[in-house]
Amino acid sequence: MNPAAGKTPPVLESLSAITLATRDMARAVHFYQALGFALTAGGADAAFTTFSVGPSCLNLIAETHGPIHWWGRVIIHVSDVDDMYHKALEAGLRPLFAPRDAPWGERYFHLQDPDGHELSFARYLSA
């Protein structure tokens, strides 16, 4: 049973970030910096890099094991991650894992849409 039953449904608040896979982090970082993207975390030697894009982020994740079969991820901020998770379950959907707290300061879970696109529903832990 959903512990949030009777509460207001979770609200989709904003598109927080898009995460793209790259085979060559240094090359990708150089490309985005050349276009004026502001580096806020990671960098050429990192496995994960973040650029700020107005109030949103463009993330890069290193994918070094063979061809990239994964296009990336859309991150959507919601008012309540756990309520969104329960809403997905009640709709018969199968999240990839239960909500968890991340070391980068967000609570989140992932879900794939019918075409295999990965969606991450998240909220800053301090929010």
N, C-alpha and C. Protein backbone atom coordinates (compact mmCIF):
# COMPACT_ATOMS: atom_id res chain seq x y z
N MET A 1 0.84 -1.18 0.00
CA MET A 1 0.00 0.00 0.00
C MET A 1 0.88 1.24 0.00
N ASN A 2 0.45 2.24 -0.66
CA ASN A 2 1.18 3.51 -0.74
C ASN A 2 1.05 4.25 0.58
N PRO A 3 2.19 4.52 1.27
CA PRO A 3 2.11 5.25 2.53
C PRO A 3 1.64 6.68 2.34
N ALA A 4 1.65 7.16 1.12
CA ALA A 4 1.24 8.54 0.86
C ALA A 4 -0.21 8.63 0.40
N ALA A 5 -0.97 7.52 0.55
CA ALA A 5 -2.36 7.53 0.10
C ALA A 5 -3.10 8.68 0.77
N GLY A 6 -3.91 9.35 -0.03
CA GLY A 6 -4.67 10.47 0.49
C GLY A 6 -3.94 11.80 0.37
N LYS A 7 -2.67 11.78 0.05
CA LYS A 7 -1.90 13.00 -0.13
C LYS A 7 -2.08 13.52 -1.55
N THR A 8 -1.70 14.77 -1.76
CA THR A 8 -1.70 15.36 -3.09
C THR A 8 -0.70 14.59 -3.95
N PRO A 9 -1.06 14.26 -5.20
CA PRO A 9 -0.11 13.53 -6.06
C PRO A 9 1.17 14.33 -6.27
N PRO A 10 2.28 13.65 -6.52
CA PRO A 10 3.54 14.36 -6.75
C PRO A 10 3.44 15.24 -8.00
N VAL A 11 4.15 16.35 -7.96
CA VAL A 11 4.13 17.31 -9.05
C VAL A 11 5.43 17.21 -9.84
N LEU A 12 5.31 17.17 -11.18
CA LEU A 12 6.48 17.25 -12.04
C LEU A 12 6.89 18.72 -12.07
N GLU A 13 8.07 19.04 -11.52
CA GLU A 13 8.45 20.43 -11.33
C GLU A 13 9.30 21.02 -12.44
N SER A 14 10.29 20.28 -12.92
CA SER A 14 11.17 20.84 -13.94
C SER A 14 12.02 19.75 -14.56
N LEU A 15 12.54 20.06 -15.75
CA LEU A 15 13.53 19.20 -16.37
C LEU A 15 14.86 19.62 -15.78
N SER A 16 15.46 18.77 -14.99
CA SER A 16 16.67 19.10 -14.26
C SER A 16 17.92 18.92 -15.11
N ALA A 17 18.02 17.78 -15.78
CA ALA A 17 19.26 17.49 -16.50
C ALA A 17 19.03 16.44 -17.57
N ILE A 18 19.93 16.44 -18.51
CA ILE A 18 20.03 15.35 -19.49
C ILE A 18 21.44 14.80 -19.34
N THR A 19 21.55 13.48 -19.28
CA THR A 19 22.85 12.82 -19.17
C THR A 19 23.12 12.06 -20.46
N LEU A 20 24.26 12.35 -21.07
CA LEU A 20 24.65 11.71 -22.31
C LEU A 20 25.88 10.84 -22.10
N ALA A 21 25.92 9.70 -22.75
CA ALA A 21 27.07 8.81 -22.67
C ALA A 21 28.12 9.26 -23.69
N THR A 22 29.40 9.08 -23.32
CA THR A 22 30.50 9.42 -24.21
C THR A 22 31.58 8.36 -24.14
N ARG A 23 32.25 8.09 -25.26
CA ARG A 23 33.38 7.17 -25.29
C ARG A 23 34.67 7.88 -24.90
N ASP A 24 34.70 9.21 -25.04
CA ASP A 24 35.93 9.97 -24.83
C ASP A 24 35.60 11.24 -24.04
N MET A 25 35.74 11.16 -22.72
CA MET A 25 35.36 12.28 -21.86
C MET A 25 36.15 13.54 -22.20
N ALA A 26 37.45 13.42 -22.40
CA ALA A 26 38.27 14.61 -22.68
C ALA A 26 37.78 15.31 -23.94
N ARG A 27 37.52 14.55 -24.98
CA ARG A 27 37.03 15.13 -26.23
C ARG A 27 35.67 15.79 -26.04
N ALA A 28 34.78 15.12 -25.30
CA ALA A 28 33.44 15.67 -25.07
C ALA A 28 33.50 16.93 -24.22
N VAL A 29 34.33 16.93 -23.18
CA VAL A 29 34.47 18.13 -22.33
C VAL A 29 34.99 19.29 -23.17
N HIS A 30 36.00 19.06 -23.98
CA HIS A 30 36.54 20.11 -24.84
C HIS A 30 35.45 20.66 -25.77
N PHE A 31 34.66 19.78 -26.36
CA PHE A 31 33.58 20.18 -27.27
C PHE A 31 32.59 21.12 -26.57
N TYR A 32 32.09 20.71 -25.40
CA TYR A 32 31.08 21.51 -24.71
C TYR A 32 31.66 22.81 -24.16
N GLN A 33 32.91 22.77 -23.69
CA GLN A 33 33.53 24.00 -23.22
C GLN A 33 33.76 24.98 -24.38
N ALA A 34 34.10 24.46 -25.55
CA ALA A 34 34.30 25.32 -26.73
C ALA A 34 33.01 26.03 -27.12
N LEU A 35 31.87 25.42 -26.79
CA LEU A 35 30.58 26.03 -27.08
C LEU A 35 30.12 26.99 -25.98
N GLY A 36 30.89 27.07 -24.90
CA GLY A 36 30.55 27.99 -23.82
C GLY A 36 29.81 27.39 -22.65
N PHE A 37 29.66 26.06 -22.61
CA PHE A 37 29.02 25.43 -21.47
C PHE A 37 29.93 25.59 -20.24
N ALA A 38 29.35 25.94 -19.11
CA ALA A 38 30.12 26.17 -17.88
C ALA A 38 30.31 24.86 -17.12
N LEU A 39 31.55 24.45 -16.96
CA LEU A 39 31.88 23.23 -16.23
C LEU A 39 31.65 23.45 -14.75
N THR A 40 30.83 22.60 -14.12
CA THR A 40 30.56 22.75 -12.69
C THR A 40 31.03 21.56 -11.86
N ALA A 41 31.29 20.42 -12.50
CA ALA A 41 31.81 19.25 -11.77
C ALA A 41 32.46 18.31 -12.79
N GLY A 42 33.44 17.56 -12.32
CA GLY A 42 34.11 16.60 -13.19
C GLY A 42 35.14 17.28 -14.05
N GLY A 43 35.28 16.79 -15.29
CA GLY A 43 36.26 17.35 -16.21
C GLY A 43 36.80 16.29 -17.13
N ALA A 44 37.86 16.61 -17.84
CA ALA A 44 38.41 15.74 -18.88
C ALA A 44 38.80 14.36 -18.39
N ASP A 45 39.23 14.23 -17.14
CA ASP A 45 39.68 12.94 -16.62
C ASP A 45 38.64 12.24 -15.73
N ALA A 46 37.45 12.82 -15.63
CA ALA A 46 36.42 12.28 -14.74
C ALA A 46 35.56 11.24 -15.44
N ALA A 47 34.90 10.41 -14.66
CA ALA A 47 33.95 9.45 -15.20
C ALA A 47 32.58 10.08 -15.38
N PHE A 48 32.35 11.20 -14.68
CA PHE A 48 31.06 11.90 -14.75
C PHE A 48 31.34 13.40 -14.69
N THR A 49 30.75 14.15 -15.61
CA THR A 49 30.99 15.59 -15.71
C THR A 49 29.65 16.31 -15.83
N THR A 50 29.57 17.49 -15.21
CA THR A 50 28.35 18.29 -15.27
C THR A 50 28.67 19.69 -15.76
N PHE A 51 27.85 20.18 -16.69
CA PHE A 51 27.88 21.56 -17.16
C PHE A 51 26.56 22.22 -16.76
N SER A 52 26.62 23.49 -16.36
CA SER A 52 25.37 24.18 -16.10
C SER A 52 24.85 24.78 -17.40
N VAL A 53 23.54 24.72 -17.55
CA VAL A 53 22.85 25.25 -18.72
C VAL A 53 21.65 26.01 -18.16
N GLY A 54 21.85 27.28 -17.83
CA GLY A 54 20.80 28.02 -17.15
C GLY A 54 20.51 27.32 -15.83
N PRO A 55 19.24 27.08 -15.53
CA PRO A 55 18.91 26.40 -14.28
C PRO A 55 19.03 24.87 -14.38
N SER A 56 19.37 24.36 -15.55
CA SER A 56 19.46 22.92 -15.77
C SER A 56 20.91 22.49 -15.96
N CYS A 57 21.10 21.18 -16.17
CA CYS A 57 22.44 20.64 -16.34
C CYS A 57 22.51 19.73 -17.56
N LEU A 58 23.68 19.69 -18.15
CA LEU A 58 24.03 18.70 -19.15
C LEU A 58 25.13 17.86 -18.50
N ASN A 59 24.86 16.58 -18.31
CA ASN A 59 25.83 15.66 -17.72
C ASN A 59 26.43 14.78 -18.80
N LEU A 60 27.67 14.38 -18.61
CA LEU A 60 28.34 13.41 -19.47
C LEU A 60 28.79 12.26 -18.59
N ILE A 61 28.57 11.04 -19.05
CA ILE A 61 29.02 9.87 -18.32
C ILE A 61 29.89 9.04 -19.25
N ALA A 62 31.06 8.62 -18.76
CA ALA A 62 31.99 7.84 -19.57
C ALA A 62 31.46 6.42 -19.75
N GLU A 63 31.37 6.01 -20.99
CA GLU A 63 30.98 4.65 -21.35
C GLU A 63 32.13 4.09 -22.15
N THR A 64 32.98 3.28 -21.50
CA THR A 64 34.22 2.85 -22.14
C THR A 64 34.24 1.37 -22.51
N HIS A 65 33.16 0.66 -22.28
CA HIS A 65 33.14 -0.78 -22.56
C HIS A 65 32.36 -1.06 -23.84
N GLY A 66 33.03 -0.98 -24.96
CA GLY A 66 32.40 -1.28 -26.24
C GLY A 66 31.56 -0.12 -26.76
N PRO A 67 30.73 -0.40 -27.75
CA PRO A 67 29.92 0.66 -28.35
C PRO A 67 28.88 1.18 -27.37
N ILE A 68 28.48 2.41 -27.58
CA ILE A 68 27.45 3.00 -26.72
C ILE A 68 26.09 2.52 -27.20
N HIS A 69 25.43 1.73 -26.38
CA HIS A 69 24.09 1.25 -26.69
C HIS A 69 23.07 2.01 -25.85
N TRP A 70 23.53 2.94 -25.10
CA TRP A 70 22.69 3.69 -24.19
C TRP A 70 22.79 5.14 -24.56
N TRP A 71 21.69 5.78 -24.91
CA TRP A 71 21.73 7.17 -25.40
C TRP A 71 21.94 8.16 -24.28
N GLY A 72 21.43 7.89 -23.09
CA GLY A 72 21.54 8.82 -21.98
C GLY A 72 20.33 8.73 -21.09
N ARG A 73 20.07 9.83 -20.37
CA ARG A 73 19.00 9.83 -19.38
C ARG A 73 18.42 11.23 -19.27
N VAL A 74 17.12 11.32 -19.09
CA VAL A 74 16.45 12.58 -18.79
C VAL A 74 16.15 12.59 -17.29
N ILE A 75 16.51 13.69 -16.63
CA ILE A 75 16.28 13.80 -15.19
C ILE A 75 15.18 14.82 -14.96
N ILE A 76 14.14 14.39 -14.28
CA ILE A 76 12.97 15.23 -14.04
C ILE A 76 12.83 15.44 -12.54
N HIS A 77 12.84 16.69 -12.12
CA HIS A 77 12.63 16.99 -10.70
C HIS A 77 11.14 16.92 -10.39
N VAL A 78 10.84 16.31 -9.26
CA VAL A 78 9.46 16.14 -8.81
C VAL A 78 9.35 16.65 -7.37
N SER A 79 8.13 16.88 -6.93
CA SER A 79 7.90 17.39 -5.58
C SER A 79 8.19 16.34 -4.51
N ASP A 80 7.98 15.06 -4.83
CA ASP A 80 8.19 13.98 -3.85
C ASP A 80 8.58 12.71 -4.60
N VAL A 81 9.82 12.29 -4.47
CA VAL A 81 10.35 11.13 -5.19
C VAL A 81 9.63 9.85 -4.78
N ASP A 82 9.43 9.67 -3.49
CA ASP A 82 8.79 8.43 -3.01
C ASP A 82 7.34 8.34 -3.48
N ASP A 83 6.62 9.45 -3.47
CA ASP A 83 5.26 9.44 -3.97
C ASP A 83 5.23 9.14 -5.47
N MET A 84 6.18 9.68 -6.22
CA MET A 84 6.24 9.41 -7.66
C MET A 84 6.53 7.92 -7.90
N TYR A 85 7.40 7.35 -7.10
CA TYR A 85 7.71 5.93 -7.19
C TYR A 85 6.45 5.09 -6.96
N HIS A 86 5.70 5.44 -5.91
CA HIS A 86 4.47 4.69 -5.62
C HIS A 86 3.42 4.89 -6.71
N LYS A 87 3.37 6.08 -7.28
CA LYS A 87 2.45 6.33 -8.40
C LYS A 87 2.80 5.43 -9.58
N ALA A 88 4.10 5.29 -9.87
CA ALA A 88 4.54 4.41 -10.95
C ALA A 88 4.13 2.96 -10.67
N LEU A 89 4.37 2.51 -9.44
CA LEU A 89 4.00 1.14 -9.08
C LEU A 89 2.50 0.91 -9.21
N GLU A 90 1.71 1.87 -8.74
CA GLU A 90 0.25 1.74 -8.80
C GLU A 90 -0.24 1.72 -10.25
N ALA A 91 0.50 2.32 -11.16
CA ALA A 91 0.14 2.31 -12.58
C ALA A 91 0.61 1.03 -13.27
N GLY A 92 1.22 0.11 -12.51
CA GLY A 92 1.69 -1.14 -13.08
C GLY A 92 3.05 -1.04 -13.74
N LEU A 93 3.76 0.07 -13.51
CA LEU A 93 5.09 0.26 -14.08
C LEU A 93 6.14 -0.38 -13.18
N ARG A 94 7.32 -0.62 -13.74
CA ARG A 94 8.37 -1.31 -12.99
C ARG A 94 9.63 -0.46 -12.94
N PRO A 95 9.77 0.40 -11.93
CA PRO A 95 11.02 1.15 -11.78
C PRO A 95 12.21 0.20 -11.70
N LEU A 96 13.37 0.69 -12.10
CA LEU A 96 14.58 -0.14 -12.11
C LEU A 96 15.10 -0.40 -10.71
N PHE A 97 14.78 0.49 -9.76
CA PHE A 97 15.14 0.31 -8.35
C PHE A 97 14.31 1.27 -7.52
N ALA A 98 14.24 0.99 -6.22
CA ALA A 98 13.49 1.84 -5.30
C ALA A 98 14.25 3.16 -5.09
N PRO A 99 13.57 4.21 -4.66
CA PRO A 99 14.24 5.49 -4.42
C PRO A 99 15.44 5.34 -3.48
N ARG A 100 16.50 6.09 -3.81
CA ARG A 100 17.71 6.06 -2.98
C ARG A 100 18.33 7.45 -2.96
N ASP A 101 19.14 7.68 -1.94
CA ASP A 101 19.86 8.94 -1.82
C ASP A 101 21.22 8.80 -2.49
N ALA A 102 21.56 9.79 -3.32
CA ALA A 102 22.81 9.76 -4.08
C ALA A 102 23.86 10.63 -3.42
N PRO A 103 25.15 10.28 -3.62
CA PRO A 103 26.22 11.09 -3.03
C PRO A 103 26.28 12.51 -3.59
N TRP A 104 25.65 12.76 -4.75
CA TRP A 104 25.65 14.10 -5.32
C TRP A 104 24.50 14.96 -4.79
N GLY A 105 23.73 14.43 -3.82
CA GLY A 105 22.75 15.25 -3.13
C GLY A 105 21.33 15.20 -3.65
N GLU A 106 20.97 14.12 -4.31
CA GLU A 106 19.60 13.96 -4.77
C GLU A 106 19.05 12.63 -4.31
N ARG A 107 17.74 12.57 -4.13
CA ARG A 107 17.01 11.31 -3.95
C ARG A 107 16.40 11.03 -5.32
N TYR A 108 16.46 9.78 -5.79
CA TYR A 108 16.05 9.49 -7.16
C TYR A 108 15.71 8.02 -7.35
N PHE A 109 15.03 7.75 -8.48
CA PHE A 109 14.87 6.38 -8.99
C PHE A 109 14.78 6.48 -10.51
N HIS A 110 15.02 5.36 -11.17
CA HIS A 110 14.98 5.32 -12.63
C HIS A 110 13.82 4.45 -13.10
N LEU A 111 13.34 4.81 -14.29
CA LEU A 111 12.24 4.10 -14.93
C LEU A 111 12.48 4.19 -16.43
N GLN A 112 12.20 3.11 -17.15
CA GLN A 112 12.33 3.16 -18.61
C GLN A 112 10.95 3.35 -19.22
N ASP A 113 10.89 4.19 -20.27
CA ASP A 113 9.63 4.35 -20.98
C ASP A 113 9.45 3.16 -21.92
N PRO A 114 8.31 3.05 -22.61
CA PRO A 114 8.07 1.87 -23.46
C PRO A 114 9.10 1.66 -24.57
N ASP A 115 9.84 2.71 -24.94
CA ASP A 115 10.86 2.58 -25.98
C ASP A 115 12.26 2.40 -25.41
N GLY A 116 12.38 2.26 -24.09
CA GLY A 116 13.67 2.02 -23.46
C GLY A 116 14.42 3.27 -23.06
N HIS A 117 13.82 4.46 -23.21
CA HIS A 117 14.48 5.69 -22.76
C HIS A 117 14.45 5.73 -21.24
N GLU A 118 15.58 6.06 -20.66
CA GLU A 118 15.67 6.08 -19.21
C GLU A 118 15.28 7.44 -18.65
N LEU A 119 14.35 7.42 -17.70
CA LEU A 119 13.91 8.62 -17.01
C LEU A 119 14.34 8.50 -15.55
N SER A 120 14.86 9.58 -15.01
CA SER A 120 15.22 9.62 -13.60
C SER A 120 14.32 10.66 -12.95
N PHE A 121 13.62 10.26 -11.90
CA PHE A 121 12.78 11.18 -11.14
C PHE A 121 13.55 11.51 -9.87
N ALA A 122 13.79 12.80 -9.62
CA ALA A 122 14.72 13.20 -8.57
C ALA A 122 14.25 14.45 -7.83
N ARG A 123 14.87 14.67 -6.69
CA ARG A 123 14.66 15.88 -5.90
C ARG A 123 15.92 16.07 -5.06
N TYR A 124 16.36 17.33 -4.96
CA TYR A 124 17.52 17.61 -4.11
C TYR A 124 17.20 17.23 -2.68
N LEU A 125 18.16 16.63 -1.99
CA LEU A 125 17.94 16.21 -0.61
C LEU A 125 17.69 17.40 0.31
N SER A 126 18.25 18.54 0.00
CA SER A 126 18.06 19.72 0.86
C SER A 126 16.74 20.41 0.59
N ALA A 127 16.04 20.02 -0.48
CA ALA A 127 14.78 20.68 -0.85
C ALA A 127 13.62 20.13 -0.07
